PDB file of all heavy atoms in Angstrom:
ATOM      1  N   ASP A   1      13.166 165.351 116.985  1.00  0.00           N
ATOM      2  CA  ASP A   1      12.315 166.420 116.471  1.00  0.00           C
ATOM      3  C   ASP A   1      10.837 166.142 116.762  1.00  0.00           C
ATOM      4  O   ASP A   1      10.440 165.012 117.078  1.00  0.00           O
ATOM      5  CB  ASP A   1      12.521 166.590 114.961  1.00  0.00           C
ATOM      6  CG  ASP A   1      13.768 167.395 114.640  1.00  0.00           C
ATOM      7  OD1 ASP A   1      14.415 167.882 115.583  1.00  0.00           O
ATOM      8  OD2 ASP A   1      14.104 167.514 113.442  1.00  0.00           O
ATOM      9  N   SER A   2      10.023 167.196 116.600  1.00  0.00           N
ATOM     10  CA  SER A   2       8.589 167.104 116.928  1.00  0.00           C
ATOM     11  C   SER A   2       7.720 167.726 115.834  1.00  0.00           C
ATOM     12  O   SER A   2       7.123 168.793 116.018  1.00  0.00           O
ATOM     13  CB  SER A   2       8.320 167.793 118.262  1.00  0.00           C
ATOM     14  OG  SER A   2       9.045 167.200 119.307  1.00  0.00           O
ATOM     15  N   PRO A   3       7.593 167.086 114.714  1.00  0.00           N
ATOM     16  CA  PRO A   3       6.752 167.629 113.644  1.00  0.00           C
ATOM     17  C   PRO A   3       5.268 167.375 113.899  1.00  0.00           C
ATOM     18  O   PRO A   3       4.898 166.487 114.672  1.00  0.00           O
ATOM     19  CB  PRO A   3       7.224 166.855 112.406  1.00  0.00           C
ATOM     20  CG  PRO A   3       7.684 165.552 112.956  1.00  0.00           C
ATOM     21  CD  PRO A   3       8.271 165.855 114.308  1.00  0.00           C
ATOM     22  N   ARG A   4       4.434 168.149 113.229  1.00  0.00           N
ATOM     23  CA  ARG A   4       3.000 167.929 113.297  1.00  0.00           C
ATOM     24  C   ARG A   4       2.472 167.647 111.896  1.00  0.00           C
ATOM     25  O   ARG A   4       2.704 168.428 110.966  1.00  0.00           O
ATOM     26  CB  ARG A   4       2.270 169.145 113.870  1.00  0.00           C
ATOM     27  CG  ARG A   4       0.779 168.871 114.098  1.00  0.00           C
ATOM     28  CD  ARG A   4       0.044 170.058 114.687  1.00  0.00           C
ATOM     29  NE  ARG A   4      -0.220 171.103 113.699  1.00  0.00           N
ATOM     30  CZ  ARG A   4      -1.147 172.045 113.849  1.00  0.00           C
ATOM     31  NH1 ARG A   4      -1.889 172.077 114.945  1.00  0.00           N
ATOM     32  NH2 ARG A   4      -1.311 172.971 112.926  1.00  0.00           N
ATOM     33  N   LEU A   5       1.796 166.548 111.766  1.00  0.00           N
ATOM     34  CA  LEU A   5       1.185 166.183 110.495  1.00  0.00           C
ATOM     35  C   LEU A   5      -0.249 166.710 110.444  1.00  0.00           C
ATOM     36  O   LEU A   5      -0.925 166.786 111.471  1.00  0.00           O
ATOM     37  CB  LEU A   5       1.181 164.663 110.305  1.00  0.00           C
ATOM     38  CG  LEU A   5       2.523 163.953 110.463  1.00  0.00           C
ATOM     39  CD1 LEU A   5       2.356 162.469 110.178  1.00  0.00           C
ATOM     40  CD2 LEU A   5       3.576 164.563 109.558  1.00  0.00           C
ATOM     41  N   SER A   6      -0.683 167.036 109.244  1.00  0.00           N
ATOM     42  CA  SER A   6      -2.053 167.497 109.040  1.00  0.00           C
ATOM     43  C   SER A   6      -2.735 166.631 107.996  1.00  0.00           C
ATOM     44  O   SER A   6      -2.079 166.116 107.084  1.00  0.00           O
ATOM     45  CB  SER A   6      -2.079 168.954 108.565  1.00  0.00           C
ATOM     46  OG  SER A   6      -1.485 169.818 109.500  1.00  0.00           O
ATOM     47  N   CYS A   7      -4.025 166.502 108.124  1.00  0.00           N
ATOM     48  CA  CYS A   7      -4.806 165.750 107.143  1.00  0.00           C
ATOM     49  C   CYS A   7      -6.101 166.504 106.887  1.00  0.00           C
ATOM     50  O   CYS A   7      -6.953 166.592 107.786  1.00  0.00           O
ATOM     51  CB  CYS A   7      -5.094 164.350 107.646  1.00  0.00           C
ATOM     52  SG  CYS A   7      -6.247 163.421 106.604  1.00  0.00           S
ATOM     53  N   ILE A   8      -6.231 167.040 105.695  1.00  0.00           N
ATOM     54  CA  ILE A   8      -7.479 167.690 105.290  1.00  0.00           C
ATOM     55  C   ILE A   8      -8.363 166.635 104.638  1.00  0.00           C
ATOM     56  O   ILE A   8      -7.911 165.899 103.757  1.00  0.00           O
ATOM     57  CB  ILE A   8      -7.207 168.837 104.317  1.00  0.00           C
ATOM     58  CG1 ILE A   8      -6.354 169.916 104.996  1.00  0.00           C
ATOM     59  CG2 ILE A   8      -8.502 169.428 103.794  1.00  0.00           C
ATOM     60  CD1 ILE A   8      -5.912 171.021 104.056  1.00  0.00           C
ATOM     61  N   VAL A   9      -9.591 166.584 105.086  1.00  0.00           N
ATOM     62  CA  VAL A   9     -10.544 165.617 104.532  1.00  0.00           C
ATOM     63  C   VAL A   9     -11.518 166.360 103.624  1.00  0.00           C
ATOM     64  O   VAL A   9     -12.120 167.356 104.039  1.00  0.00           O
ATOM     65  CB  VAL A   9     -11.305 164.887 105.644  1.00  0.00           C
ATOM     66  CG1 VAL A   9     -12.255 163.843 105.038  1.00  0.00           C
ATOM     67  CG2 VAL A   9     -10.338 164.224 106.605  1.00  0.00           C
ATOM     68  N   ARG A  10     -11.658 165.895 102.428  1.00  0.00           N
ATOM     69  CA  ARG A  10     -12.554 166.516 101.457  1.00  0.00           C
ATOM     70  C   ARG A  10     -13.654 165.540 101.073  1.00  0.00           C
ATOM     71  O   ARG A  10     -13.425 164.352 100.934  1.00  0.00           O
ATOM     72  CB  ARG A  10     -11.768 166.936 100.211  1.00  0.00           C
ATOM     73  CG  ARG A  10     -10.732 168.008 100.491  1.00  0.00           C
ATOM     74  CD  ARG A  10      -9.845 168.281  99.306  1.00  0.00           C
ATOM     75  NE  ARG A  10      -8.912 169.382  99.584  1.00  0.00           N
ATOM     76  CZ  ARG A  10      -7.784 169.596  98.921  1.00  0.00           C
ATOM     77  NH1 ARG A  10      -7.444 168.781  97.922  1.00  0.00           N
ATOM     78  NH2 ARG A  10      -7.010 170.611  99.230  1.00  0.00           N
ATOM     79  N   GLY A  11     -14.855 166.065 100.905  1.00  0.00           N
ATOM     80  CA  GLY A  11     -15.950 165.249 100.417  1.00  0.00           C
ATOM     81  C   GLY A  11     -16.903 164.746 101.475  1.00  0.00           C
ATOM     82  O   GLY A  11     -17.912 164.119 101.141  1.00  0.00           O
ATOM     83  N   THR A  12     -16.590 164.989 102.749  1.00  0.00           N
ATOM     84  CA  THR A  12     -17.496 164.598 103.806  1.00  0.00           C
ATOM     85  C   THR A  12     -17.185 165.413 105.058  1.00  0.00           C
ATOM     86  O   THR A  12     -16.079 165.930 105.218  1.00  0.00           O
ATOM     87  CB  THR A  12     -17.383 163.096 104.113  1.00  0.00           C
ATOM     88  OG1 THR A  12     -18.478 162.696 104.954  1.00  0.00           O
ATOM     89  CG2 THR A  12     -16.079 162.765 104.815  1.00  0.00           C
ATOM     90  N   ASP A  13     -18.157 165.505 105.918  1.00  0.00           N
ATOM     91  CA  ASP A  13     -18.006 166.218 107.184  1.00  0.00           C
ATOM     92  C   ASP A  13     -17.462 165.250 108.227  1.00  0.00           C
ATOM     93  O   ASP A  13     -18.071 164.211 108.487  1.00  0.00           O
ATOM     94  CB  ASP A  13     -19.367 166.766 107.615  1.00  0.00           C
ATOM     95  CG  ASP A  13     -19.325 167.516 108.932  1.00  0.00           C
ATOM     96  OD1 ASP A  13     -18.240 167.598 109.545  1.00  0.00           O
ATOM     97  OD2 ASP A  13     -20.388 168.012 109.359  1.00  0.00           O
ATOM     98  N   ILE A  14     -16.333 165.580 108.839  1.00  0.00           N
ATOM     99  CA  ILE A  14     -15.706 164.649 109.774  1.00  0.00           C
ATOM    100  C   ILE A  14     -16.213 164.799 111.202  1.00  0.00           C
ATOM    101  O   ILE A  14     -15.782 164.063 112.087  1.00  0.00           O
ATOM    102  CB  ILE A  14     -14.167 164.779 109.774  1.00  0.00           C
ATOM    103  CG1 ILE A  14     -13.742 166.108 110.428  1.00  0.00           C
ATOM    104  CG2 ILE A  14     -13.605 164.627 108.377  1.00  0.00           C
ATOM    105  CD1 ILE A  14     -12.246 166.167 110.739  1.00  0.00           C
ATOM    106  N   SER A  15     -17.099 165.744 111.457  1.00  0.00           N
ATOM    107  CA  SER A  15     -17.461 166.069 112.841  1.00  0.00           C
ATOM    108  C   SER A  15     -18.046 164.878 113.604  1.00  0.00           C
ATOM    109  O   SER A  15     -17.924 164.814 114.821  1.00  0.00           O
ATOM    110  CB  SER A  15     -18.442 167.236 112.873  1.00  0.00           C
ATOM    111  OG  SER A  15     -19.633 166.914 112.189  1.00  0.00           O
ATOM    112  N   MET A  16     -18.667 163.938 112.907  1.00  0.00           N
ATOM    113  CA  MET A  16     -19.243 162.779 113.583  1.00  0.00           C
ATOM    114  C   MET A  16     -18.439 161.505 113.304  1.00  0.00           C
ATOM    115  O   MET A  16     -18.885 160.407 113.640  1.00  0.00           O
ATOM    116  CB  MET A  16     -20.691 162.580 113.142  1.00  0.00           C
ATOM    117  CG  MET A  16     -21.599 163.739 113.520  1.00  0.00           C
ATOM    118  SD  MET A  16     -21.575 164.062 115.299  1.00  0.00           S
ATOM    119  CE  MET A  16     -22.354 162.584 115.907  1.00  0.00           C
ATOM    120  N   ALA A  17     -17.282 161.650 112.722  1.00  0.00           N
ATOM    121  CA  ALA A  17     -16.507 160.491 112.277  1.00  0.00           C
ATOM    122  C   ALA A  17     -15.420 160.110 113.264  1.00  0.00           C
ATOM    123  O   ALA A  17     -14.895 160.946 113.996  1.00  0.00           O
ATOM    124  CB  ALA A  17     -15.881 160.784 110.916  1.00  0.00           C
ATOM    125  N   VAL A  18     -15.114 158.839 113.260  1.00  0.00           N
ATOM    126  CA  VAL A  18     -13.930 158.337 113.950  1.00  0.00           C
ATOM    127  C   VAL A  18     -12.770 158.451 112.965  1.00  0.00           C
ATOM    128  O   VAL A  18     -12.857 157.940 111.845  1.00  0.00           O
ATOM    129  CB  VAL A  18     -14.112 156.874 114.387  1.00  0.00           C
ATOM    130  CG1 VAL A  18     -12.825 156.343 115.010  1.00  0.00           C
ATOM    131  CG2 VAL A  18     -15.272 156.758 115.363  1.00  0.00           C
ATOM    132  N   MET A  19     -11.712 159.133 113.388  1.00  0.00           N
ATOM    133  CA  MET A  19     -10.571 159.373 112.504  1.00  0.00           C
ATOM    134  C   MET A  19      -9.350 158.645 113.016  1.00  0.00           C
ATOM    135  O   MET A  19      -9.131 158.550 114.233  1.00  0.00           O
ATOM    136  CB  MET A  19     -10.260 160.862 112.433  1.00  0.00           C
ATOM    137  CG  MET A  19     -11.341 161.708 111.798  1.00  0.00           C
ATOM    138  SD  MET A  19     -11.628 161.300 110.061  1.00  0.00           S
ATOM    139  CE  MET A  19      -9.977 161.455 109.374  1.00  0.00           C
ATOM    140  N   GLY A  20      -8.534 158.166 112.086  1.00  0.00           N
ATOM    141  CA  GLY A  20      -7.333 157.456 112.482  1.00  0.00           C
ATOM    142  C   GLY A  20      -6.112 157.895 111.691  1.00  0.00           C
ATOM    143  O   GLY A  20      -6.238 158.328 110.545  1.00  0.00           O
ATOM    144  N   TRP A  21      -4.973 157.805 112.328  1.00  0.00           N
ATOM    145  CA  TRP A  21      -3.678 157.947 111.659  1.00  0.00           C
ATOM    146  C   TRP A  21      -3.031 156.576 111.602  1.00  0.00           C
ATOM    147  O   TRP A  21      -3.042 155.830 112.597  1.00  0.00           O
ATOM    148  CB  TRP A  21      -2.767 158.913 112.420  1.00  0.00           C
ATOM    149  CG  TRP A  21      -3.017 160.356 112.125  1.00  0.00           C
ATOM    150  CD1 TRP A  21      -3.747 161.235 112.871  1.00  0.00           C
ATOM    151  CD2 TRP A  21      -2.523 161.101 111.004  1.00  0.00           C
ATOM    152  NE1 TRP A  21      -3.757 162.477 112.285  1.00  0.00           N
ATOM    153  CE2 TRP A  21      -3.003 162.422 111.138  1.00  0.00           C
ATOM    154  CE3 TRP A  21      -1.736 160.797 109.902  1.00  0.00           C
ATOM    155  CZ2 TRP A  21      -2.711 163.427 110.214  1.00  0.00           C
ATOM    156  CZ3 TRP A  21      -1.448 161.789 108.982  1.00  0.00           C
ATOM    157  CH2 TRP A  21      -1.936 163.097 109.146  1.00  0.00           C
ATOM    158  N   TYR A  22      -2.463 156.271 110.456  1.00  0.00           N
ATOM    159  CA  TYR A  22      -1.798 155.005 110.221  1.00  0.00           C
ATOM    160  C   TYR A  22      -0.409 155.290 109.675  1.00  0.00           C
ATOM    161  O   TYR A  22      -0.122 156.404 109.228  1.00  0.00           O
ATOM    162  CB  TYR A  22      -2.573 154.190 109.176  1.00  0.00           C
ATOM    163  CG  TYR A  22      -4.017 153.920 109.508  1.00  0.00           C
ATOM    164  CD1 TYR A  22      -4.975 154.924 109.406  1.00  0.00           C
ATOM    165  CD2 TYR A  22      -4.430 152.660 109.927  1.00  0.00           C
ATOM    166  CE1 TYR A  22      -6.310 154.681 109.707  1.00  0.00           C
ATOM    167  CE2 TYR A  22      -5.760 152.405 110.221  1.00  0.00           C
ATOM    168  CZ  TYR A  22      -6.688 153.427 110.103  1.00  0.00           C
ATOM    169  OH  TYR A  22      -7.999 153.172 110.406  1.00  0.00           O
ATOM    170  N   ARG A  23       0.428 154.275 109.675  1.00  0.00           N
ATOM    171  CA  ARG A  23       1.726 154.429 109.046  1.00  0.00           C
ATOM    172  C   ARG A  23       2.172 153.105 108.434  1.00  0.00           C
ATOM    173  O   ARG A  23       1.757 152.041 108.887  1.00  0.00           O
ATOM    174  CB  ARG A  23       2.770 154.931 110.039  1.00  0.00           C
ATOM    175  CG  ARG A  23       3.200 153.926 111.077  1.00  0.00           C
ATOM    176  CD  ARG A  23       4.179 154.566 112.062  1.00  0.00           C
ATOM    177  NE  ARG A  23       4.749 153.599 113.001  1.00  0.00           N
ATOM    178  CZ  ARG A  23       5.563 153.920 113.990  1.00  0.00           C
ATOM    179  NH1 ARG A  23       5.917 155.189 114.169  1.00  0.00           N
ATOM    180  NH2 ARG A  23       6.041 152.989 114.779  1.00  0.00           N
ATOM    181  N   GLN A  24       3.005 153.230 107.424  1.00  0.00           N
ATOM    182  CA  GLN A  24       3.575 152.039 106.792  1.00  0.00           C
ATOM    183  C   GLN A  24       5.058 152.258 106.584  1.00  0.00           C
ATOM    184  O   GLN A  24       5.465 153.146 105.823  1.00  0.00           O
ATOM    185  CB  GLN A  24       2.889 151.746 105.453  1.00  0.00           C
ATOM    186  CG  GLN A  24       3.330 150.432 104.839  1.00  0.00           C
ATOM    187  CD  GLN A  24       2.443 149.991 103.695  1.00  0.00           C
ATOM    188  OE1 GLN A  24       1.706 150.788 103.112  1.00  0.00           O
ATOM    189  NE2 GLN A  24       2.484 148.707 103.372  1.00  0.00           N
ATOM    190  N   ALA A  25       5.830 151.466 107.285  1.00  0.00           N
ATOM    191  CA  ALA A  25       7.282 151.531 107.166  1.00  0.00           C
ATOM    192  C   ALA A  25       7.735 150.644 106.005  1.00  0.00           C
ATOM    193  O   ALA A  25       7.018 149.716 105.613  1.00  0.00           O
ATOM    194  CB  ALA A  25       7.923 151.080 108.469  1.00  0.00           C
ATOM    195  N   PRO A  26       8.916 150.897 105.467  1.00  0.00           N
ATOM    196  CA  PRO A  26       9.408 150.081 104.352  1.00  0.00           C
ATOM    197  C   PRO A  26       9.419 148.598 104.691  1.00  0.00           C
ATOM    198  O   PRO A  26       9.937 148.206 105.736  1.00  0.00           O
ATOM    199  CB  PRO A  26      10.828 150.609 104.132  1.00  0.00           C
ATOM    200  CG  PRO A  26      10.794 151.999 104.649  1.00  0.00           C
ATOM    201  CD  PRO A  26       9.844 151.979 105.818  1.00  0.00           C
ATOM    202  N   GLY A  27       8.811 147.801 103.834  1.00  0.00           N
ATOM    203  CA  GLY A  27       8.812 146.368 104.035  1.00  0.00           C
ATOM    204  C   GLY A  27       7.858 145.860 105.096  1.00  0.00           C
ATOM    205  O   GLY A  27       7.876 144.664 105.411  1.00  0.00           O
ATOM    206  N   LYS A  28       7.044 146.731 105.629  1.00  0.00           N
ATOM    207  CA  LYS A  28       6.117 146.323 106.693  1.00  0.00           C
ATOM    208  C   LYS A  28       4.676 146.630 106.303  1.00  0.00           C
ATOM    209  O   LYS A  28       4.412 147.426 105.410  1.00  0.00           O
ATOM    210  CB  LYS A  28       6.462 147.025 108.007  1.00  0.00           C
ATOM    211  CG  LYS A  28       7.818 146.648 108.575  1.00  0.00           C
ATOM    212  CD  LYS A  28       8.028 147.261 109.948  1.00  0.00           C
ATOM    213  CE  LYS A  28       9.355 146.834 110.540  1.00  0.00           C
ATOM    214  NZ  LYS A  28       9.557 147.425 111.902  1.00  0.00           N
ATOM    215  N   GLN A  29       3.747 146.014 107.012  1.00  0.00           N
ATOM    216  CA  GLN A  29       2.340 146.284 106.777  1.00  0.00           C
ATOM    217  C   GLN A  29       1.943 147.611 107.400  1.00  0.00           C
ATOM    218  O   GLN A  29       2.555 148.081 108.364  1.00  0.00           O
ATOM    219  CB  GLN A  29       1.491 145.157 107.367  1.00  0.00           C
ATOM    220  CG  GLN A  29       1.589 143.844 106.609  1.00  0.00           C
ATOM    221  CD  GLN A  29       0.567 142.830 107.088  1.00  0.00           C
ATOM    222  OE1 GLN A  29       0.131 142.878 108.245  1.00  0.00           O
ATOM    223  NE2 GLN A  29       0.179 141.923 106.209  1.00  0.00           N
ATOM    224  N   ARG A  30       0.899 148.174 106.848  1.00  0.00           N
ATOM    225  CA  ARG A  30       0.369 149.407 107.417  1.00  0.00           C
ATOM    226  C   ARG A  30      -0.196 149.124 108.807  1.00  0.00           C
ATOM    227  O   ARG A  30      -0.844 148.085 109.016  1.00  0.00           O
ATOM    228  CB  ARG A  30      -0.704 149.981 106.504  1.00  0.00           C
ATOM    229  CG  ARG A  30      -1.202 151.345 106.880  1.00  0.00           C
ATOM    230  CD  ARG A  30      -1.729 152.147 105.709  1.00  0.00           C
ATOM    231  NE  ARG A  30      -2.245 151.373 104.617  1.00  0.00           N
ATOM    232  CZ  ARG A  30      -2.287 151.819 103.360  1.00  0.00           C
ATOM    233  NH1 ARG A  30      -1.838 153.035 103.077  1.00  0.00           N
ATOM    234  NH2 ARG A  30      -2.788 151.079 102.402  1.00  0.00           N
ATOM    235  N   GLU A  31       0.047 150.036 109.735  1.00  0.00           N
ATOM    236  CA  GLU A  31      -0.428 149.830 111.105  1.00  0.00           C
ATOM    237  C   GLU A  31      -1.138 151.078 111.606  1.00  0.00           C
ATOM    238  O   GLU A  31      -0.828 152.200 111.213  1.00  0.00           O
ATOM    239  CB  GLU A  31       0.749 149.516 112.045  1.00  0.00           C
ATOM    240  CG  GLU A  31       1.795 150.606 112.162  1.00  0.00           C
ATOM    241  CD  GLU A  31       2.910 150.256 113.134  1.00  0.00           C
ATOM    242  OE1 GLU A  31       2.800 149.260 113.868  1.00  0.00           O
ATOM    243  OE2 GLU A  31       3.904 151.014 113.175  1.00  0.00           O
ATOM    244  N   LEU A  32      -2.093 150.854 112.494  1.00  0.00           N
ATOM    245  CA  LEU A  32      -2.823 151.947 113.114  1.00  0.00           C
ATOM    246  C   LEU A  32      -1.964 152.573 114.203  1.00  0.00           C
ATOM    247  O   LEU A  32      -1.403 151.866 115.041  1.00  0.00           O
ATOM    248  CB  LEU A  32      -4.135 151.422 113.695  1.00  0.00           C
ATOM    249  CG  LEU A  32      -5.038 152.416 114.412  1.00  0.00           C
ATOM    250  CD1 LEU A  32      -5.520 153.501 113.464  1.00  0.00           C
ATOM    251  CD2 LEU A  32      -6.226 151.689 115.031  1.00  0.00           C
ATOM    252  N   VAL A  33      -1.888 153.882 114.205  1.00  0.00           N
ATOM    253  CA  VAL A  33      -1.062 154.596 115.166  1.00  0.00           C
ATOM    254  C   VAL A  33      -1.913 155.279 116.234  1.00  0.00           C
ATOM    255  O   VAL A  33      -1.604 155.206 117.421  1.00  0.00           O
ATOM    256  CB  VAL A  33      -0.191 155.646 114.446  1.00  0.00           C
ATOM    257  CG1 VAL A  33       0.559 156.503 115.457  1.00  0.00           C
ATOM    258  CG2 VAL A  33       0.785 154.971 113.503  1.00  0.00           C
ATOM    259  N   ALA A  34      -2.976 155.948 115.800  1.00  0.00           N
ATOM    260  CA  ALA A  34      -3.800 156.714 116.742  1.00  0.00           C
ATOM    261  C   ALA A  34      -5.211 156.839 116.191  1.00  0.00           C
ATOM    262  O   ALA A  34      -5.410 156.895 114.977  1.00  0.00           O
ATOM    263  CB  ALA A  34      -3.207 158.099 116.975  1.00  0.00           C
ATOM    264  N   VAL A  35      -6.172 156.897 117.100  1.00  0.00           N
ATOM    265  CA  VAL A  35      -7.579 157.022 116.738  1.00  0.00           C
ATOM    266  C   VAL A  35      -8.222 158.083 117.617  1.00  0.00           C
ATOM    267  O   VAL A  35      -7.896 158.206 118.801  1.00  0.00           O
ATOM    268  CB  VAL A  35      -8.330 155.689 116.937  1.00  0.00           C
ATOM    269  CG1 VAL A  35      -9.825 155.871 116.670  1.00  0.00           C
ATOM    270  CG2 VAL A  35      -7.770 154.620 116.018  1.00  0.00           C
TER     271      VAL A  35
END
């Protein structure tokens, strides 16, 4: 399958920000997926 995740950011303007997606699998440390 091919889902799309969304992330709404509140409280700051993201236009000049570096944004990242991370994930944490069961029993594992959180890891960076995409920037």
